[in-house]
C-alpha cells in the first residue's frame, strides 16, 4: 500500500483525527476529557522542534500517527525525547505503516541532533520494536509495567 507520512503541521486537516485516536487509545477510559488531549496535541502545531506529530495518510484518508515528545514516562524524567502515541487504524495494520511511522519519528529526532530516542510499550509490543532495532533497557516500569526501549543514532 502506498501512503505518505507528513508532519501534522503541514497537514492540519488531520488534527481532529489524530486527537481523537490518541484520546480513545490511551486516555478515554481514564476519564481524561477529549478537549484536554486536543489541547496537548495543539502543542505539536507550534514551530518549536519538539513536540511534533506525524500522520500517515493516503490522500485525505487517515491511516495512523506517531509523535515525538520531550517526556512520555513520569517515572523516567531523565530520558528525552520519546517516540509516543504510535497508533494505526485497525483496518490498515500489518501493512508496515506503524514501522514507517516509528522510523520517520526516529529519523526526524536524530535530524534534530538527538543521539538517542526512547520509547515505552507494553510487553506484547516488544517484538514490534526490537525488530526495528530498539533495545530494551528497563522492564516493568510504572503502574502499567512498561518496557523502556532506546534507539541510538547510527544503530
N, C-alpha and C. Protein backbone atom coordinates (compact mmCIF):
# COMPACT_ATOMS: atom_id res chain seq x y z
N UNK A 1 0.84 -1.18 0.00
CA UNK A 1 0.00 0.00 0.00
C UNK A 1 0.88 1.24 0.00
N UNK A 2 0.59 2.17 -0.87
CA UNK A 2 1.34 3.42 -0.87
C UNK A 2 0.64 4.42 0.05
N UNK A 3 1.47 5.15 0.79
CA UNK A 3 0.95 6.17 1.70
C UNK A 3 2.04 7.20 1.93
N UNK A 4 1.66 8.29 2.53
CA UNK A 4 2.57 9.39 2.82
C UNK A 4 2.61 9.60 4.32
N UNK A 5 3.78 9.96 4.83
CA UNK A 5 3.90 10.38 6.22
C UNK A 5 4.25 11.86 6.19
N UNK A 6 3.41 12.65 6.85
CA UNK A 6 3.58 14.10 6.88
C UNK A 6 3.65 14.59 8.32
N UNK A 7 4.33 15.69 8.50
CA UNK A 7 4.28 16.40 9.77
C UNK A 7 2.86 16.97 9.88
N UNK A 8 2.24 16.79 11.03
CA UNK A 8 0.88 17.28 11.22
C UNK A 8 0.77 18.79 10.98
N UNK A 9 1.85 19.52 11.21
CA UNK A 9 1.82 20.97 10.97
C UNK A 9 1.59 21.27 9.49
N UNK A 10 2.01 20.35 8.60
CA UNK A 10 1.79 20.55 7.17
C UNK A 10 0.47 19.94 6.70
N UNK A 11 -0.17 19.15 7.55
CA UNK A 11 -1.46 18.52 7.20
C UNK A 11 -2.46 18.71 8.34
N UNK A 12 -2.78 19.97 8.69
CA UNK A 12 -3.64 20.23 9.85
C UNK A 12 -5.06 19.68 9.71
N UNK A 13 -5.48 19.32 8.51
CA UNK A 13 -6.81 18.74 8.34
C UNK A 13 -6.94 17.42 9.11
N UNK A 14 -5.82 16.78 9.44
CA UNK A 14 -5.86 15.53 10.19
C UNK A 14 -5.82 15.73 11.71
N UNK A 15 -5.77 16.97 12.16
CA UNK A 15 -5.63 17.25 13.59
C UNK A 15 -6.72 16.55 14.41
N UNK A 16 -7.98 16.71 14.03
CA UNK A 16 -9.07 16.13 14.82
C UNK A 16 -8.99 14.60 14.86
N UNK A 17 -8.62 13.99 13.74
CA UNK A 17 -8.50 12.52 13.71
C UNK A 17 -7.37 12.06 14.64
N UNK A 18 -6.23 12.74 14.61
CA UNK A 18 -5.11 12.37 15.48
C UNK A 18 -5.51 12.53 16.94
N UNK A 19 -6.10 13.66 17.29
CA UNK A 19 -6.51 13.90 18.68
C UNK A 19 -7.50 12.84 19.14
N UNK A 20 -8.46 12.52 18.30
CA UNK A 20 -9.48 11.53 18.66
C UNK A 20 -8.86 10.16 18.89
N UNK A 21 -7.97 9.72 18.00
CA UNK A 21 -7.39 8.39 18.14
C UNK A 21 -6.51 8.29 19.37
N UNK A 22 -5.72 9.32 19.65
CA UNK A 22 -4.88 9.32 20.85
C UNK A 22 -5.76 9.25 22.10
N UNK A 23 -6.81 10.06 22.11
CA UNK A 23 -7.71 10.08 23.26
C UNK A 23 -8.36 8.72 23.46
N UNK A 24 -8.91 8.15 22.40
CA UNK A 24 -9.59 6.85 22.52
C UNK A 24 -8.63 5.73 22.91
N UNK A 25 -7.42 5.75 22.38
CA UNK A 25 -6.46 4.66 22.63
C UNK A 25 -5.90 4.68 24.05
N UNK A 26 -5.63 5.87 24.60
CA UNK A 26 -4.90 5.91 25.88
C UNK A 26 -5.57 6.69 26.99
N UNK A 27 -6.52 7.55 26.69
CA UNK A 27 -6.99 8.46 27.73
C UNK A 27 -8.47 8.38 28.05
N UNK A 28 -9.31 7.98 27.14
CA UNK A 28 -10.75 7.98 27.34
C UNK A 28 -11.15 7.15 28.56
N UNK A 29 -10.63 5.91 28.64
CA UNK A 29 -11.00 5.03 29.75
C UNK A 29 -10.54 5.55 31.10
N UNK A 30 -9.55 6.42 31.09
CA UNK A 30 -9.08 7.00 32.35
C UNK A 30 -9.88 8.24 32.75
N UNK A 31 -10.87 8.59 31.92
CA UNK A 31 -11.73 9.73 32.23
C UNK A 31 -11.15 11.08 31.85
N UNK A 32 -10.09 11.09 31.07
CA UNK A 32 -9.49 12.35 30.64
C UNK A 32 -10.36 12.93 29.52
N UNK A 33 -10.74 14.20 29.62
CA UNK A 33 -11.59 14.80 28.59
C UNK A 33 -10.87 14.88 27.23
N UNK A 34 -11.61 14.65 26.17
CA UNK A 34 -11.05 14.74 24.81
C UNK A 34 -10.47 16.12 24.54
N UNK A 35 -11.10 17.17 25.09
CA UNK A 35 -10.61 18.53 24.89
C UNK A 35 -9.21 18.72 25.47
N UNK A 36 -8.93 18.04 26.58
CA UNK A 36 -7.60 18.14 27.18
C UNK A 36 -6.55 17.57 26.23
N UNK A 37 -6.84 16.42 25.62
CA UNK A 37 -5.89 15.80 24.69
C UNK A 37 -5.72 16.68 23.46
N UNK A 38 -6.80 17.23 22.96
CA UNK A 38 -6.70 18.14 21.81
C UNK A 38 -5.82 19.35 22.16
N UNK A 39 -5.97 19.85 23.37
CA UNK A 39 -5.14 20.97 23.81
C UNK A 39 -3.66 20.60 23.87
N UNK A 40 -3.39 19.42 24.37
CA UNK A 40 -2.00 18.95 24.41
C UNK A 40 -1.44 18.74 23.00
N UNK A 41 -2.26 18.19 22.11
CA UNK A 41 -1.83 17.99 20.73
C UNK A 41 -1.57 19.33 20.05
N UNK A 42 -2.28 20.36 20.46
CA UNK A 42 -2.08 21.68 19.87
C UNK A 42 -0.62 22.14 20.05
N UNK A 43 0.04 21.66 21.10
CA UNK A 43 1.46 21.98 21.32
C UNK A 43 2.32 21.49 20.15
N UNK A 44 1.85 20.48 19.44
CA UNK A 44 2.58 19.94 18.29
C UNK A 44 2.47 20.81 17.05
N UNK A 45 1.62 21.81 17.11
CA UNK A 45 1.37 22.65 15.94
C UNK A 45 2.22 23.92 15.94
N UNK A 46 3.04 24.10 16.96
CA UNK A 46 3.90 25.28 17.03
C UNK A 46 5.19 25.02 16.24
N UNK A 47 5.93 26.08 15.93
CA UNK A 47 7.16 25.87 15.16
C UNK A 47 8.32 25.27 15.96
N UNK A 48 8.18 25.09 17.27
CA UNK A 48 9.28 24.53 18.05
C UNK A 48 9.58 23.11 17.56
N UNK A 49 10.84 22.69 17.64
CA UNK A 49 11.21 21.38 17.11
C UNK A 49 10.49 20.21 17.77
N UNK A 50 10.33 20.26 19.08
CA UNK A 50 9.64 19.19 19.82
C UNK A 50 8.66 19.87 20.76
N UNK A 51 7.47 19.38 20.83
CA UNK A 51 6.93 18.14 20.28
C UNK A 51 6.52 18.30 18.82
N UNK A 52 6.45 17.15 18.12
CA UNK A 52 5.85 17.14 16.80
C UNK A 52 5.09 15.83 16.61
N UNK A 53 4.08 15.90 15.76
CA UNK A 53 3.27 14.73 15.46
C UNK A 53 3.36 14.44 13.97
N UNK A 54 3.35 13.16 13.66
CA UNK A 54 3.35 12.71 12.27
C UNK A 54 2.01 12.05 11.98
N UNK A 55 1.61 12.11 10.73
CA UNK A 55 0.37 11.47 10.31
C UNK A 55 0.65 10.66 9.04
N UNK A 56 0.22 9.41 9.06
CA UNK A 56 0.27 8.58 7.85
C UNK A 56 -1.08 8.71 7.17
N UNK A 57 -1.04 8.95 5.86
CA UNK A 57 -2.29 9.13 5.13
C UNK A 57 -2.12 8.72 3.67
N UNK A 58 -3.22 8.38 3.09
CA UNK A 58 -3.28 8.15 1.65
C UNK A 58 -4.31 9.15 1.16
N UNK A 59 -3.82 10.20 0.51
CA UNK A 59 -4.70 11.30 0.14
C UNK A 59 -5.29 11.91 1.40
N UNK A 60 -6.61 11.96 1.46
CA UNK A 60 -7.26 12.52 2.65
C UNK A 60 -7.75 11.44 3.61
N UNK A 61 -7.27 10.20 3.44
CA UNK A 61 -7.63 9.11 4.34
C UNK A 61 -6.59 8.97 5.44
N UNK A 62 -7.01 9.12 6.67
CA UNK A 62 -6.13 8.98 7.84
C UNK A 62 -5.82 7.51 8.07
N UNK A 63 -4.53 7.18 8.22
CA UNK A 63 -4.10 5.80 8.46
C UNK A 63 -3.51 5.59 9.84
N UNK A 64 -2.76 6.57 10.34
CA UNK A 64 -2.12 6.40 11.64
C UNK A 64 -1.34 7.62 12.05
N UNK A 65 -0.73 7.52 13.22
CA UNK A 65 0.00 8.65 13.78
C UNK A 65 1.11 8.18 14.70
N UNK A 66 2.07 9.04 14.93
CA UNK A 66 3.13 8.87 15.93
C UNK A 66 3.62 10.27 16.28
N UNK A 67 4.13 10.41 17.49
CA UNK A 67 4.63 11.71 17.94
C UNK A 67 6.03 11.57 18.50
N UNK A 68 6.72 12.69 18.58
CA UNK A 68 7.96 12.79 19.33
C UNK A 68 7.74 13.89 20.35
N UNK A 69 7.91 13.53 21.63
CA UNK A 69 7.65 14.45 22.73
C UNK A 69 8.84 14.46 23.68
N UNK A 70 8.89 15.45 24.54
CA UNK A 70 10.02 15.56 25.47
C UNK A 70 10.00 14.44 26.50
N UNK A 71 8.83 14.11 27.03
CA UNK A 71 8.76 13.10 28.09
C UNK A 71 7.46 12.32 27.98
N UNK A 72 7.56 10.99 28.08
CA UNK A 72 6.37 10.16 27.99
C UNK A 72 6.17 9.29 29.22
N UNK A 73 7.10 9.33 30.15
CA UNK A 73 7.01 8.45 31.30
C UNK A 73 7.45 9.22 32.54
N UNK A 74 6.46 9.58 33.35
CA UNK A 74 6.72 10.34 34.56
C UNK A 74 7.81 9.72 35.42
N UNK A 75 7.85 8.38 35.43
CA UNK A 75 8.82 7.67 36.25
C UNK A 75 10.26 7.79 35.74
N UNK A 76 10.45 8.31 34.52
CA UNK A 76 11.79 8.39 33.93
C UNK A 76 12.03 9.76 33.30
N UNK A 77 12.06 10.83 34.12
CA UNK A 77 12.23 12.17 33.56
C UNK A 77 13.62 12.41 32.94
N UNK A 78 14.58 11.55 33.26
CA UNK A 78 15.94 11.73 32.73
C UNK A 78 16.05 11.35 31.26
N UNK A 79 15.06 10.66 30.72
CA UNK A 79 15.11 10.24 29.33
C UNK A 79 14.36 11.24 28.45
N UNK A 80 14.97 11.61 27.33
CA UNK A 80 14.32 12.52 26.39
C UNK A 80 15.11 12.52 25.08
N UNK A 81 14.42 12.64 23.96
CA UNK A 81 12.98 12.67 23.70
C UNK A 81 12.41 11.26 23.54
N UNK A 82 11.11 11.18 23.40
CA UNK A 82 10.38 9.92 23.31
C UNK A 82 9.56 9.86 22.02
N UNK A 83 9.53 8.70 21.41
CA UNK A 83 8.52 8.40 20.39
C UNK A 83 7.30 7.94 21.18
N UNK A 84 6.16 8.49 20.87
CA UNK A 84 4.96 8.22 21.66
C UNK A 84 3.72 8.18 20.77
N UNK A 85 2.64 7.69 21.33
CA UNK A 85 1.33 7.71 20.68
C UNK A 85 1.36 7.11 19.28
N UNK A 86 2.03 5.96 19.16
CA UNK A 86 2.07 5.26 17.88
C UNK A 86 0.74 4.50 17.74
N UNK A 87 -0.02 4.85 16.73
CA UNK A 87 -1.34 4.25 16.54
C UNK A 87 -1.64 4.14 15.05
N UNK A 88 -2.12 2.98 14.64
CA UNK A 88 -2.53 2.75 13.25
C UNK A 88 -3.96 2.24 13.27
N UNK A 89 -4.77 2.77 12.37
CA UNK A 89 -6.16 2.33 12.26
C UNK A 89 -6.18 0.82 12.07
N UNK A 90 -7.03 0.11 12.83
CA UNK A 90 -7.05 -1.35 12.76
C UNK A 90 -7.16 -1.94 11.36
N UNK A 91 -7.91 -1.29 10.47
CA UNK A 91 -8.06 -1.87 9.13
C UNK A 91 -6.81 -1.70 8.27
N UNK A 92 -5.83 -0.92 8.75
CA UNK A 92 -4.59 -0.72 7.99
C UNK A 92 -3.37 -1.32 8.69
N UNK A 93 -3.59 -2.05 9.77
CA UNK A 93 -2.47 -2.66 10.48
C UNK A 93 -1.87 -3.80 9.68
N UNK A 94 -0.67 -4.20 10.03
CA UNK A 94 0.07 -5.29 9.37
C UNK A 94 0.43 -4.93 7.93
N UNK A 95 0.59 -3.63 7.67
CA UNK A 95 0.96 -3.16 6.33
C UNK A 95 2.17 -2.24 6.39
N UNK A 96 2.95 -2.35 7.47
CA UNK A 96 4.20 -1.60 7.67
C UNK A 96 3.99 -0.11 7.97
N UNK A 97 2.78 0.32 8.17
CA UNK A 97 2.53 1.74 8.46
C UNK A 97 3.12 2.12 9.80
N UNK A 98 2.89 1.30 10.83
CA UNK A 98 3.46 1.58 12.14
C UNK A 98 4.98 1.61 12.11
N UNK A 99 5.56 0.66 11.42
CA UNK A 99 7.02 0.62 11.30
C UNK A 99 7.55 1.88 10.63
N UNK A 100 6.88 2.30 9.57
CA UNK A 100 7.30 3.52 8.86
C UNK A 100 7.12 4.77 9.72
N UNK A 101 6.02 4.83 10.47
CA UNK A 101 5.80 5.98 11.36
C UNK A 101 6.90 6.06 12.42
N UNK A 102 7.21 4.93 13.04
CA UNK A 102 8.25 4.91 14.07
C UNK A 102 9.60 5.28 13.46
N UNK A 103 9.90 4.71 12.31
CA UNK A 103 11.17 5.01 11.65
C UNK A 103 11.31 6.48 11.31
N UNK A 104 10.24 7.07 10.81
CA UNK A 104 10.27 8.50 10.48
C UNK A 104 10.41 9.35 11.74
N UNK A 105 9.71 8.99 12.81
CA UNK A 105 9.82 9.74 14.07
C UNK A 105 11.26 9.72 14.56
N UNK A 106 11.88 8.55 14.51
CA UNK A 106 13.27 8.41 14.95
C UNK A 106 14.20 9.23 14.07
N UNK A 107 14.06 9.10 12.76
CA UNK A 107 14.97 9.84 11.87
C UNK A 107 14.80 11.35 12.02
N UNK A 108 13.56 11.81 12.22
CA UNK A 108 13.35 13.24 12.42
C UNK A 108 13.96 13.70 13.74
N UNK A 109 13.89 12.88 14.78
CA UNK A 109 14.51 13.23 16.07
C UNK A 109 16.03 13.26 15.92
N UNK A 110 16.60 12.28 15.24
CA UNK A 110 18.04 12.29 15.02
C UNK A 110 18.48 13.49 14.19
N UNK A 111 17.64 13.91 13.26
CA UNK A 111 17.94 15.10 12.44
C UNK A 111 17.99 16.37 13.29
N UNK A 112 17.38 16.32 14.46
CA UNK A 112 17.42 17.45 15.40
C UNK A 112 18.63 17.35 16.34
N UNK A 113 19.55 16.43 16.02
CA UNK A 113 20.81 16.23 16.76
C UNK A 113 20.66 15.51 18.08
N UNK A 114 19.56 14.81 18.28
CA UNK A 114 19.48 13.92 19.43
C UNK A 114 20.25 12.66 19.07
N UNK A 115 20.98 12.11 20.03
CA UNK A 115 21.80 10.93 19.77
C UNK A 115 21.11 9.65 20.24
N UNK A 116 20.06 9.79 21.02
CA UNK A 116 19.27 8.64 21.45
C UNK A 116 17.82 9.07 21.60
N UNK A 117 16.94 8.12 21.37
CA UNK A 117 15.50 8.35 21.46
C UNK A 117 14.92 7.19 22.27
N UNK A 118 13.89 7.48 23.07
CA UNK A 118 13.29 6.49 23.95
C UNK A 118 11.85 6.20 23.53
N UNK A 119 11.37 5.09 24.04
CA UNK A 119 10.00 4.66 23.76
C UNK A 119 9.61 3.71 24.88
N UNK A 120 8.35 3.74 25.28
CA UNK A 120 7.87 2.75 26.25
C UNK A 120 6.65 2.05 25.66
N UNK A 121 6.54 0.78 26.00
CA UNK A 121 5.45 -0.02 25.44
C UNK A 121 5.13 -1.19 26.35
N UNK A 122 3.94 -1.72 26.17
CA UNK A 122 3.54 -2.91 26.90
C UNK A 122 4.30 -4.11 26.33
N UNK A 123 4.43 -5.14 27.15
CA UNK A 123 5.22 -6.31 26.77
C UNK A 123 4.82 -6.92 25.44
N UNK A 124 3.53 -6.93 25.13
CA UNK A 124 3.09 -7.55 23.88
C UNK A 124 3.56 -6.81 22.63
N UNK A 125 4.10 -5.60 22.79
CA UNK A 125 4.63 -4.83 21.65
C UNK A 125 6.16 -4.99 21.52
N UNK A 126 6.76 -5.73 22.42
CA UNK A 126 8.23 -5.86 22.45
C UNK A 126 8.82 -6.26 21.10
N UNK A 127 8.29 -7.32 20.52
CA UNK A 127 8.84 -7.82 19.26
C UNK A 127 8.74 -6.78 18.14
N UNK A 128 7.64 -6.03 18.09
CA UNK A 128 7.47 -4.99 17.09
C UNK A 128 8.64 -4.00 17.14
N UNK A 129 9.04 -3.62 18.34
CA UNK A 129 10.11 -2.63 18.47
C UNK A 129 11.50 -3.24 18.35
N UNK A 130 11.73 -4.41 18.91
CA UNK A 130 13.06 -5.00 18.80
C UNK A 130 13.41 -5.32 17.35
N UNK A 131 12.42 -5.70 16.54
CA UNK A 131 12.67 -5.94 15.11
C UNK A 131 13.14 -4.68 14.40
N UNK A 132 12.83 -3.53 14.96
CA UNK A 132 13.24 -2.25 14.36
C UNK A 132 14.54 -1.72 14.96
N UNK A 133 15.18 -2.53 15.79
CA UNK A 133 16.46 -2.11 16.35
C UNK A 133 16.39 -1.39 17.69
N UNK A 134 15.22 -1.37 18.30
CA UNK A 134 15.09 -0.78 19.63
C UNK A 134 15.63 -1.77 20.65
N UNK A 135 16.37 -1.27 21.63
CA UNK A 135 16.94 -2.13 22.68
C UNK A 135 16.20 -1.88 23.99
N UNK A 136 15.66 -2.93 24.60
CA UNK A 136 15.02 -2.75 25.91
C UNK A 136 16.08 -2.43 26.96
N UNK A 137 15.80 -1.42 27.78
CA UNK A 137 16.77 -1.04 28.82
C UNK A 137 16.19 -1.17 30.23
N UNK A 138 14.86 -1.21 30.34
CA UNK A 138 14.21 -1.40 31.63
C UNK A 138 12.90 -2.15 31.42
N UNK A 139 12.55 -2.95 32.40
CA UNK A 139 11.31 -3.72 32.35
C UNK A 139 10.41 -3.35 33.53
N UNK A 140 9.12 -3.55 33.37
CA UNK A 140 8.14 -3.39 34.45
C UNK A 140 8.18 -2.01 35.11
N UNK A 141 8.25 -0.99 34.30
CA UNK A 141 8.33 0.38 34.81
C UNK A 141 6.93 0.95 35.00
N UNK A 142 6.71 1.57 36.12
CA UNK A 142 5.46 2.26 36.39
C UNK A 142 4.29 1.33 36.64
N UNK A 143 3.12 1.92 36.83
CA UNK A 143 1.93 1.14 37.18
C UNK A 143 1.48 0.23 36.05
N UNK A 144 1.85 0.55 34.81
CA UNK A 144 1.44 -0.28 33.68
C UNK A 144 2.49 -1.32 33.30
N UNK A 145 3.56 -1.39 34.10
CA UNK A 145 4.62 -2.40 33.90
C UNK A 145 5.17 -2.36 32.47
N UNK A 146 5.57 -1.16 32.04
CA UNK A 146 6.03 -0.96 30.68
C UNK A 146 7.50 -1.34 30.51
N UNK A 147 7.86 -1.63 29.27
CA UNK A 147 9.25 -1.80 28.89
C UNK A 147 9.73 -0.48 28.29
N UNK A 148 10.89 -0.03 28.74
CA UNK A 148 11.50 1.18 28.18
C UNK A 148 12.56 0.72 27.18
N UNK A 149 12.52 1.31 26.00
CA UNK A 149 13.45 1.00 24.93
C UNK A 149 14.27 2.24 24.59
N UNK A 150 15.45 2.01 24.02
CA UNK A 150 16.25 3.11 23.49
C UNK A 150 16.71 2.75 22.09
N UNK A 151 16.85 3.77 21.28
CA UNK A 151 17.41 3.61 19.94
C UNK A 151 18.51 4.66 19.83
N UNK A 152 19.71 4.21 19.48
CA UNK A 152 20.86 5.09 19.39
C UNK A 152 21.09 5.51 17.94
N UNK A 153 21.51 6.74 17.76
CA UNK A 153 21.84 7.21 16.42
C UNK A 153 22.94 6.32 15.84
N UNK A 154 22.77 5.95 14.61
CA UNK A 154 23.76 5.09 13.96
C UNK A 154 23.55 3.61 14.19
N UNK A 155 22.51 3.25 14.94
CA UNK A 155 22.30 1.81 15.19
C UNK A 155 21.21 1.26 14.28
